[in-house]
Each structure stands twice: as C-alpha cells, then as structure tokens.
Amino acid sequence: MHHGSIFESKVAKSTGLSSAPGLTQRFSSFTMKKALFALLISAATLGTASAQVEIGLKVSPSLTSLRAASPNGDELNSESAKFSLGGGIIVDYFFGQNYAFSTGLELVGKGGKVSYFDNASKQRYEQKIGLQYLQVPLTVKLFTNDVAEDTKVYFQLGGALGGVIGARVDGEKYYTNPVTTNRTKATKHVIIPDANLRLGAGIERQLGQTTRFLLGVSYHRGLLNIDKYFEDNAGIKDAELKNSEFALDFGIKF
C-alpha cells in the first residue's frame, strides 16, 4: 500500500493532475469569457443585420420668423416672417419595420423682420435678418402600416443642433447703425450655435423596389436666445431673439 501511494503521487506530479482543480477553474473561466465574447459579437452582428438604412435627399421651402421679446414691453418686436429655402440629406436608420432614428445634414434659411426702439435717438427702426444654418437633425420617426396601397403615414419628433454659417441684415453682409453710423458684420449680430425642437408628420409612398417619395410638414422651435446686437448696440436690456420655422418637406429616398 505504501509503495502504491508513492507511485500514484509521482504519477500525479509528473502529469500535473495534482493541480487539476486550479486548472479546471481557469479553463472554466476562460471558456465562459470566450462564450460571452462570442455572444456579444453575435448580438452586434444580428443588430446590424436587422437594421436597415435608407438615404435620401429633400428640399424644404419654409416660412421663418424671429420670436422677439424684451422685459420693457415693445422695445423689440417681431414684425413679419420671411420665405426661406432649405434642403439636405436624409438618413433613416431603421430598428424595426415601423420605427427609425432619423438624422442627416441640412442647410436651412432662417430669420425674419424685427423692429426695435433705440433709446439713444428715441426712434423705432426695422431690421430684416436673414440667417443660414448648417444643422444635424436628431429625431425619431414612427410609421403606420399601409393606409393606402404602398403608402404610409409617419410622425417625427426630436430636434436639431446647428450653427450659423452666413447672415445678412437688410440684404447686406454689413449693417450700418442709423444713429451711430457704426458698421458691424451681420454674422456678429447673432451667436453661432442654435438648437431647436422639431415636430412633423407626412406620408411616404413606394415608387419602386427601393425608391420612396415623401411629403411632410414640420414645425421647428428655436430654444436659444441668438441675439448679440440689440442689448449691446440699442440699449435693450435682456433682449431676446429665437428662431421659428414652418416647413414643407419634399424628398426622395433610395
């Protein structure tokens, strides 16, 4: 019995079986990590495979205005809207048959006519402000099932982030103050960034195997006070200007 135990001990040491429990634990842990990694890769692959990306182009004529406000009543007023034109690229990333994350890149016109009371001259003046923005929409689109043959209704909710890339005041890139005669660049009248909320609805109609035509309406409500001019140059304390836009969307997706 004694010699047999010595022999079994030597065999165990020579084969490494004496550390079998540690090896088993390490092997089990390694196997679980590999299995988890494979599961994550599979899930990512399946998610990518199940998602569908649709890319398109759109044109969006719109009526834009500036929501003007000042604490002391009518020092700064919104007078009228202006016609603007925009457009851009649509990217709809579908995660199901009837819902998608919608983004893209848009070049849009904004602005409107405002009037202000100049405290130095005690007179009221007008400015027609035209702004160009480059912006990225960040929205969700929800689609119905077919309401007619090859036709779906969609609802869109979200927002957009962008910045001013061009501006004009009274049609000019530079504005001359009628009281002080100081000239300022039109782009210096507003801050660069802007953010807005977007609410829209429309229809998409299938035209071919992968081609769709879309027609929609949307409202864009600016969230940021973009004014940089009236408080500093017209003496209007806490002057406020915010963008608003009603747009028609005509597009085609491929």
Protein backbone atom coordinates (compact mmCIF):
# COMPACT_ATOMS: atom_id res chain seq x y z
CA MET A 1 0.00 0.00 0.00
CA HIS A 2 2.81 2.38 0.88
CA HIS A 3 4.66 1.79 -2.39
CA GLY A 4 1.41 2.20 -4.33
CA SER A 5 0.75 5.61 -2.73
CA ILE A 6 4.26 6.78 -3.56
CA PHE A 7 3.83 5.64 -7.17
CA GLU A 8 0.43 7.36 -7.53
CA SER A 9 1.89 10.56 -6.08
CA LYS A 10 4.76 10.53 -8.57
CA VAL A 11 2.41 9.86 -11.46
CA ALA A 12 0.17 12.75 -10.34
CA LYS A 13 3.14 15.12 -10.13
CA SER A 14 4.55 14.06 -13.50
CA THR A 15 1.18 14.53 -15.24
CA GLY A 16 0.15 17.68 -13.37
CA LEU A 17 -3.08 16.06 -12.14
CA SER A 18 -2.36 17.23 -8.59
CA SER A 19 -3.33 20.81 -9.65
CA ALA A 20 -6.41 19.68 -11.59
CA PRO A 21 -8.89 21.79 -9.53
CA GLY A 22 -6.98 25.03 -10.31
CA LEU A 23 -6.66 24.13 -13.96
CA THR A 24 -10.35 23.31 -14.12
CA GLN A 25 -11.30 26.69 -12.65
CA ARG A 26 -9.04 28.56 -15.05
CA PHE A 27 -10.32 26.56 -18.00
CA SER A 28 -13.93 27.19 -16.95
CA SER A 29 -13.33 30.94 -16.57
CA PHE A 30 -11.60 31.13 -19.95
CA THR A 31 -14.42 29.21 -21.60
CA MET A 32 -17.07 31.49 -20.09
CA LYS A 33 -15.22 34.60 -21.28
CA LYS A 34 -14.98 33.19 -24.79
CA ALA A 35 -18.67 32.31 -24.76
CA LEU A 36 -19.65 35.79 -23.52
CA PHE A 37 -17.46 37.46 -26.14
CA ALA A 38 -18.98 35.29 -28.87
CA LEU A 39 -22.47 36.18 -27.62
CA LEU A 40 -21.74 39.91 -27.73
CA ILE A 41 -20.31 39.65 -31.23
CA SER A 42 -23.33 37.66 -32.36
CA ALA A 43 -25.73 40.20 -30.85
CA ALA A 44 -23.94 43.09 -32.54
CA THR A 45 -23.91 41.25 -35.85
CA LEU A 46 -27.59 40.41 -35.61
CA GLY A 47 -28.42 44.01 -34.66
CA THR A 48 -26.52 45.35 -37.64
CA ALA A 49 -28.04 42.80 -39.96
CA SER A 50 -31.59 43.54 -38.79
CA ALA A 51 -31.16 47.33 -39.12
CA GLN A 52 -31.94 48.96 -42.46
CA VAL A 53 -30.52 52.28 -43.62
CA GLU A 54 -32.39 54.47 -46.10
CA ILE A 55 -30.69 57.54 -47.58
CA GLY A 56 -32.40 60.33 -49.45
CA LEU A 57 -32.49 63.98 -50.47
CA LYS A 58 -35.04 66.65 -49.62
CA VAL A 59 -35.99 70.25 -50.39
CA SER A 60 -37.78 72.29 -47.73
CA PRO A 61 -39.36 75.67 -48.52
CA SER A 62 -40.38 77.37 -45.30
CA LEU A 63 -41.78 80.43 -43.55
CA THR A 64 -39.41 81.60 -40.82
CA SER A 65 -39.71 84.25 -38.16
CA LEU A 66 -37.91 85.57 -35.11
CA ARG A 67 -39.68 85.47 -31.76
CA ALA A 68 -38.67 88.79 -30.20
CA ALA A 69 -39.07 89.81 -26.58
CA SER A 70 -37.82 92.41 -24.12
CA PRO A 71 -38.67 92.97 -20.45
CA ASN A 72 -39.85 96.57 -21.01
CA GLY A 73 -42.70 95.85 -23.40
CA ASP A 74 -42.31 96.67 -27.09
CA GLU A 75 -38.65 97.70 -27.23
CA LEU A 76 -38.05 94.70 -29.51
CA ASN A 77 -40.88 93.28 -31.63
CA SER A 78 -41.32 90.62 -34.28
CA GLU A 79 -42.85 92.22 -37.37
CA SER A 80 -43.13 89.64 -40.15
CA ALA A 81 -41.95 86.29 -41.44
CA LYS A 82 -39.77 85.63 -44.46
CA PHE A 83 -39.71 82.94 -47.11
CA SER A 84 -36.68 80.68 -46.86
CA LEU A 85 -35.41 77.64 -48.69
CA GLY A 86 -33.50 74.69 -47.31
CA GLY A 87 -32.63 71.12 -48.07
CA GLY A 88 -30.22 68.35 -47.36
CA ILE A 89 -29.52 64.68 -46.87
CA ILE A 90 -31.86 62.29 -45.05
CA VAL A 91 -30.53 59.22 -43.24
CA ASP A 92 -33.17 56.93 -41.70
CA TYR A 93 -31.75 54.11 -39.60
CA PHE A 94 -34.49 51.53 -39.03
CA PHE A 95 -34.53 49.34 -35.92
CA GLY A 96 -37.89 47.82 -36.73
CA GLN A 97 -40.40 47.77 -39.52
CA ASN A 98 -42.20 50.90 -38.33
CA TYR A 99 -39.67 52.99 -36.42
CA ALA A 100 -36.37 54.65 -37.24
CA PHE A 101 -33.73 57.04 -35.94
CA SER A 102 -33.65 59.88 -38.47
CA THR A 103 -30.66 62.16 -38.95
CA GLY A 104 -28.74 63.72 -41.83
CA LEU A 105 -27.26 67.09 -42.76
CA GLU A 106 -29.34 70.17 -43.59
CA LEU A 107 -28.65 73.64 -44.99
CA VAL A 108 -31.54 75.87 -43.93
CA GLY A 109 -32.52 79.52 -44.08
CA LYS A 110 -33.99 81.28 -41.06
CA GLY A 111 -34.74 84.80 -39.89
CA GLY A 112 -37.44 87.45 -40.19
CA LYS A 113 -38.19 91.14 -39.78
CA VAL A 114 -37.96 92.78 -36.35
CA SER A 115 -38.34 96.34 -35.12
CA TYR A 116 -36.60 97.92 -32.16
CA PHE A 117 -36.76 101.15 -30.19
CA ASP A 118 -33.42 102.90 -29.95
CA ASN A 119 -33.10 104.52 -26.54
CA ALA A 120 -30.45 106.99 -27.67
CA SER A 121 -32.43 108.52 -30.55
CA LYS A 122 -35.91 107.71 -29.19
CA GLN A 123 -36.90 106.30 -32.57
CA ARG A 124 -38.02 102.91 -33.88
CA TYR A 125 -36.09 101.10 -36.61
CA GLU A 126 -36.52 97.86 -38.52
CA GLN A 127 -34.11 95.11 -39.49
CA LYS A 128 -34.73 92.30 -41.94
CA ILE A 129 -32.47 89.49 -40.74
CA GLY A 130 -31.57 86.51 -42.93
CA LEU A 131 -29.58 83.62 -41.48
CA GLN A 132 -28.12 80.44 -42.94
CA TYR A 133 -27.61 77.42 -40.71
CA LEU A 134 -25.89 74.08 -41.18
CA GLN A 135 -27.55 71.62 -38.82
CA VAL A 136 -27.84 67.95 -37.90
CA PRO A 137 -31.33 66.64 -37.08
CA LEU A 138 -31.67 64.10 -34.25
CA THR A 139 -35.18 62.70 -34.42
CA VAL A 140 -37.32 59.59 -34.21
CA LYS A 141 -39.74 58.63 -36.98
CA LEU A 142 -42.75 56.43 -36.29
CA PHE A 143 -44.52 54.84 -39.27
CA THR A 144 -48.01 53.40 -39.56
CA ASN A 145 -48.83 50.33 -41.57
CA ASP A 146 -50.05 50.99 -45.11
CA VAL A 147 -53.02 53.40 -45.05
CA ALA A 148 -53.35 53.03 -48.82
CA GLU A 149 -51.54 50.95 -51.39
CA ASP A 150 -47.76 51.38 -50.85
CA THR A 151 -48.41 54.46 -48.69
CA LYS A 152 -47.51 55.02 -45.03
CA VAL A 153 -48.02 57.93 -42.64
CA TYR A 154 -45.10 58.97 -40.45
CA PHE A 155 -44.72 61.14 -37.35
CA GLN A 156 -41.42 62.78 -36.48
CA LEU A 157 -40.27 64.09 -33.10
CA GLY A 158 -36.90 65.30 -31.90
CA GLY A 159 -34.63 68.25 -32.50
CA ALA A 160 -31.58 69.58 -34.31
CA LEU A 161 -28.21 71.09 -33.46
CA GLY A 162 -26.52 73.55 -35.78
CA GLY A 163 -24.62 76.75 -36.30
CA VAL A 164 -24.74 79.94 -38.36
CA ILE A 165 -22.60 79.89 -41.50
CA GLY A 166 -23.92 83.09 -43.08
CA ALA A 167 -26.00 86.16 -42.28
CA ARG A 168 -27.40 89.31 -43.86
CA VAL A 169 -29.16 92.34 -42.40
CA ASP A 170 -31.38 94.24 -44.84
CA GLY A 171 -29.83 92.16 -47.60
CA GLU A 172 -26.26 93.20 -46.80
CA LYS A 173 -23.37 91.40 -45.11
CA TYR A 174 -22.63 94.56 -43.11
CA TYR A 175 -25.10 96.71 -41.19
CA THR A 176 -24.72 100.45 -40.58
CA ASN A 177 -26.32 101.68 -37.37
CA PRO A 178 -28.63 104.59 -38.35
CA VAL A 179 -27.81 106.50 -35.16
CA THR A 180 -24.08 105.97 -34.61
CA THR A 181 -23.18 105.04 -38.25
CA ASN A 182 -21.05 102.20 -36.86
CA ARG A 183 -20.69 99.27 -39.26
CA THR A 184 -20.94 95.73 -37.95
CA LYS A 185 -20.72 92.40 -39.71
CA ALA A 186 -24.12 90.71 -39.95
CA THR A 187 -22.79 87.44 -38.55
CA LYS A 188 -21.81 89.34 -35.37
CA HIS A 189 -25.47 90.13 -34.68
CA VAL A 190 -26.21 86.57 -33.54
CA ILE A 191 -24.47 83.79 -31.64
CA ILE A 192 -23.21 80.88 -33.74
CA PRO A 193 -24.88 77.81 -32.15
CA ASP A 194 -28.59 77.04 -32.16
CA ALA A 195 -30.79 74.17 -31.05
CA ASN A 196 -34.41 73.52 -31.86
CA LEU A 197 -37.27 71.15 -31.21
CA ARG A 198 -38.94 69.54 -34.22
CA LEU A 199 -42.43 68.13 -34.66
CA GLY A 200 -43.60 66.84 -38.01
CA ALA A 201 -45.80 64.47 -39.95
CA GLY A 202 -46.14 63.30 -43.52
CA ILE A 203 -46.55 60.43 -45.93
CA GLU A 204 -44.14 58.12 -47.72
CA ARG A 205 -45.16 56.37 -50.92
CA GLN A 206 -43.34 53.46 -52.51
CA LEU A 207 -42.41 54.23 -56.13
CA GLY A 208 -40.26 51.20 -56.90
CA GLN A 209 -38.42 48.38 -55.26
CA THR A 210 -36.30 50.68 -53.09
CA THR A 211 -37.44 54.21 -54.05
CA ARG A 212 -39.82 56.23 -51.88
CA PHE A 213 -41.32 59.70 -52.26
CA LEU A 214 -42.05 61.71 -49.13
CA LEU A 215 -44.19 64.76 -48.45
CA GLY A 216 -44.36 66.27 -44.99
CA VAL A 217 -44.85 69.34 -42.83
CA SER A 218 -42.79 70.26 -39.78
CA TYR A 219 -42.50 72.92 -37.11
CA HIS A 220 -39.11 73.92 -35.71
CA ARG A 221 -38.97 75.92 -32.48
CA GLY A 222 -35.65 77.52 -31.54
CA LEU A 223 -34.52 77.10 -27.95
CA LEU A 224 -31.58 79.50 -27.69
CA ASN A 225 -31.54 83.29 -27.47
CA ILE A 226 -29.44 84.11 -30.53
CA ASP A 227 -29.23 87.92 -30.03
CA LYS A 228 -25.80 89.56 -29.80
CA TYR A 229 -26.70 93.01 -31.12
CA PHE A 230 -29.71 94.72 -29.58
CA GLU A 231 -28.61 94.63 -25.95
CA ASP A 232 -25.12 95.96 -26.70
CA ASN A 233 -25.92 98.41 -29.53
CA ALA A 234 -29.51 99.53 -28.98
CA GLY A 235 -29.53 99.61 -25.19
CA ILE A 236 -32.28 96.98 -24.88
CA LYS A 237 -31.56 95.08 -21.69
CA ASP A 238 -32.19 91.32 -21.83
CA ALA A 239 -33.25 91.44 -25.48
CA GLU A 240 -34.30 88.04 -26.79
CA LEU A 241 -34.48 86.56 -30.30
CA LYS A 242 -35.40 82.96 -31.03
CA ASN A 243 -35.95 81.17 -34.34
CA SER A 244 -39.24 79.68 -35.52
CA GLU A 245 -39.90 77.80 -38.75
CA PHE A 246 -42.79 76.10 -40.55
CA ALA A 247 -41.51 73.91 -43.38
CA LEU A 248 -42.80 71.76 -46.22
CA ASP A 249 -40.61 68.74 -46.89
CA PHE A 250 -40.37 67.21 -50.38
CA GLY A 251 -37.97 64.31 -50.68
CA ILE A 252 -36.98 61.08 -52.31
CA LYS A 253 -35.32 58.11 -50.59
CA PHE A 254 -33.27 55.40 -52.24
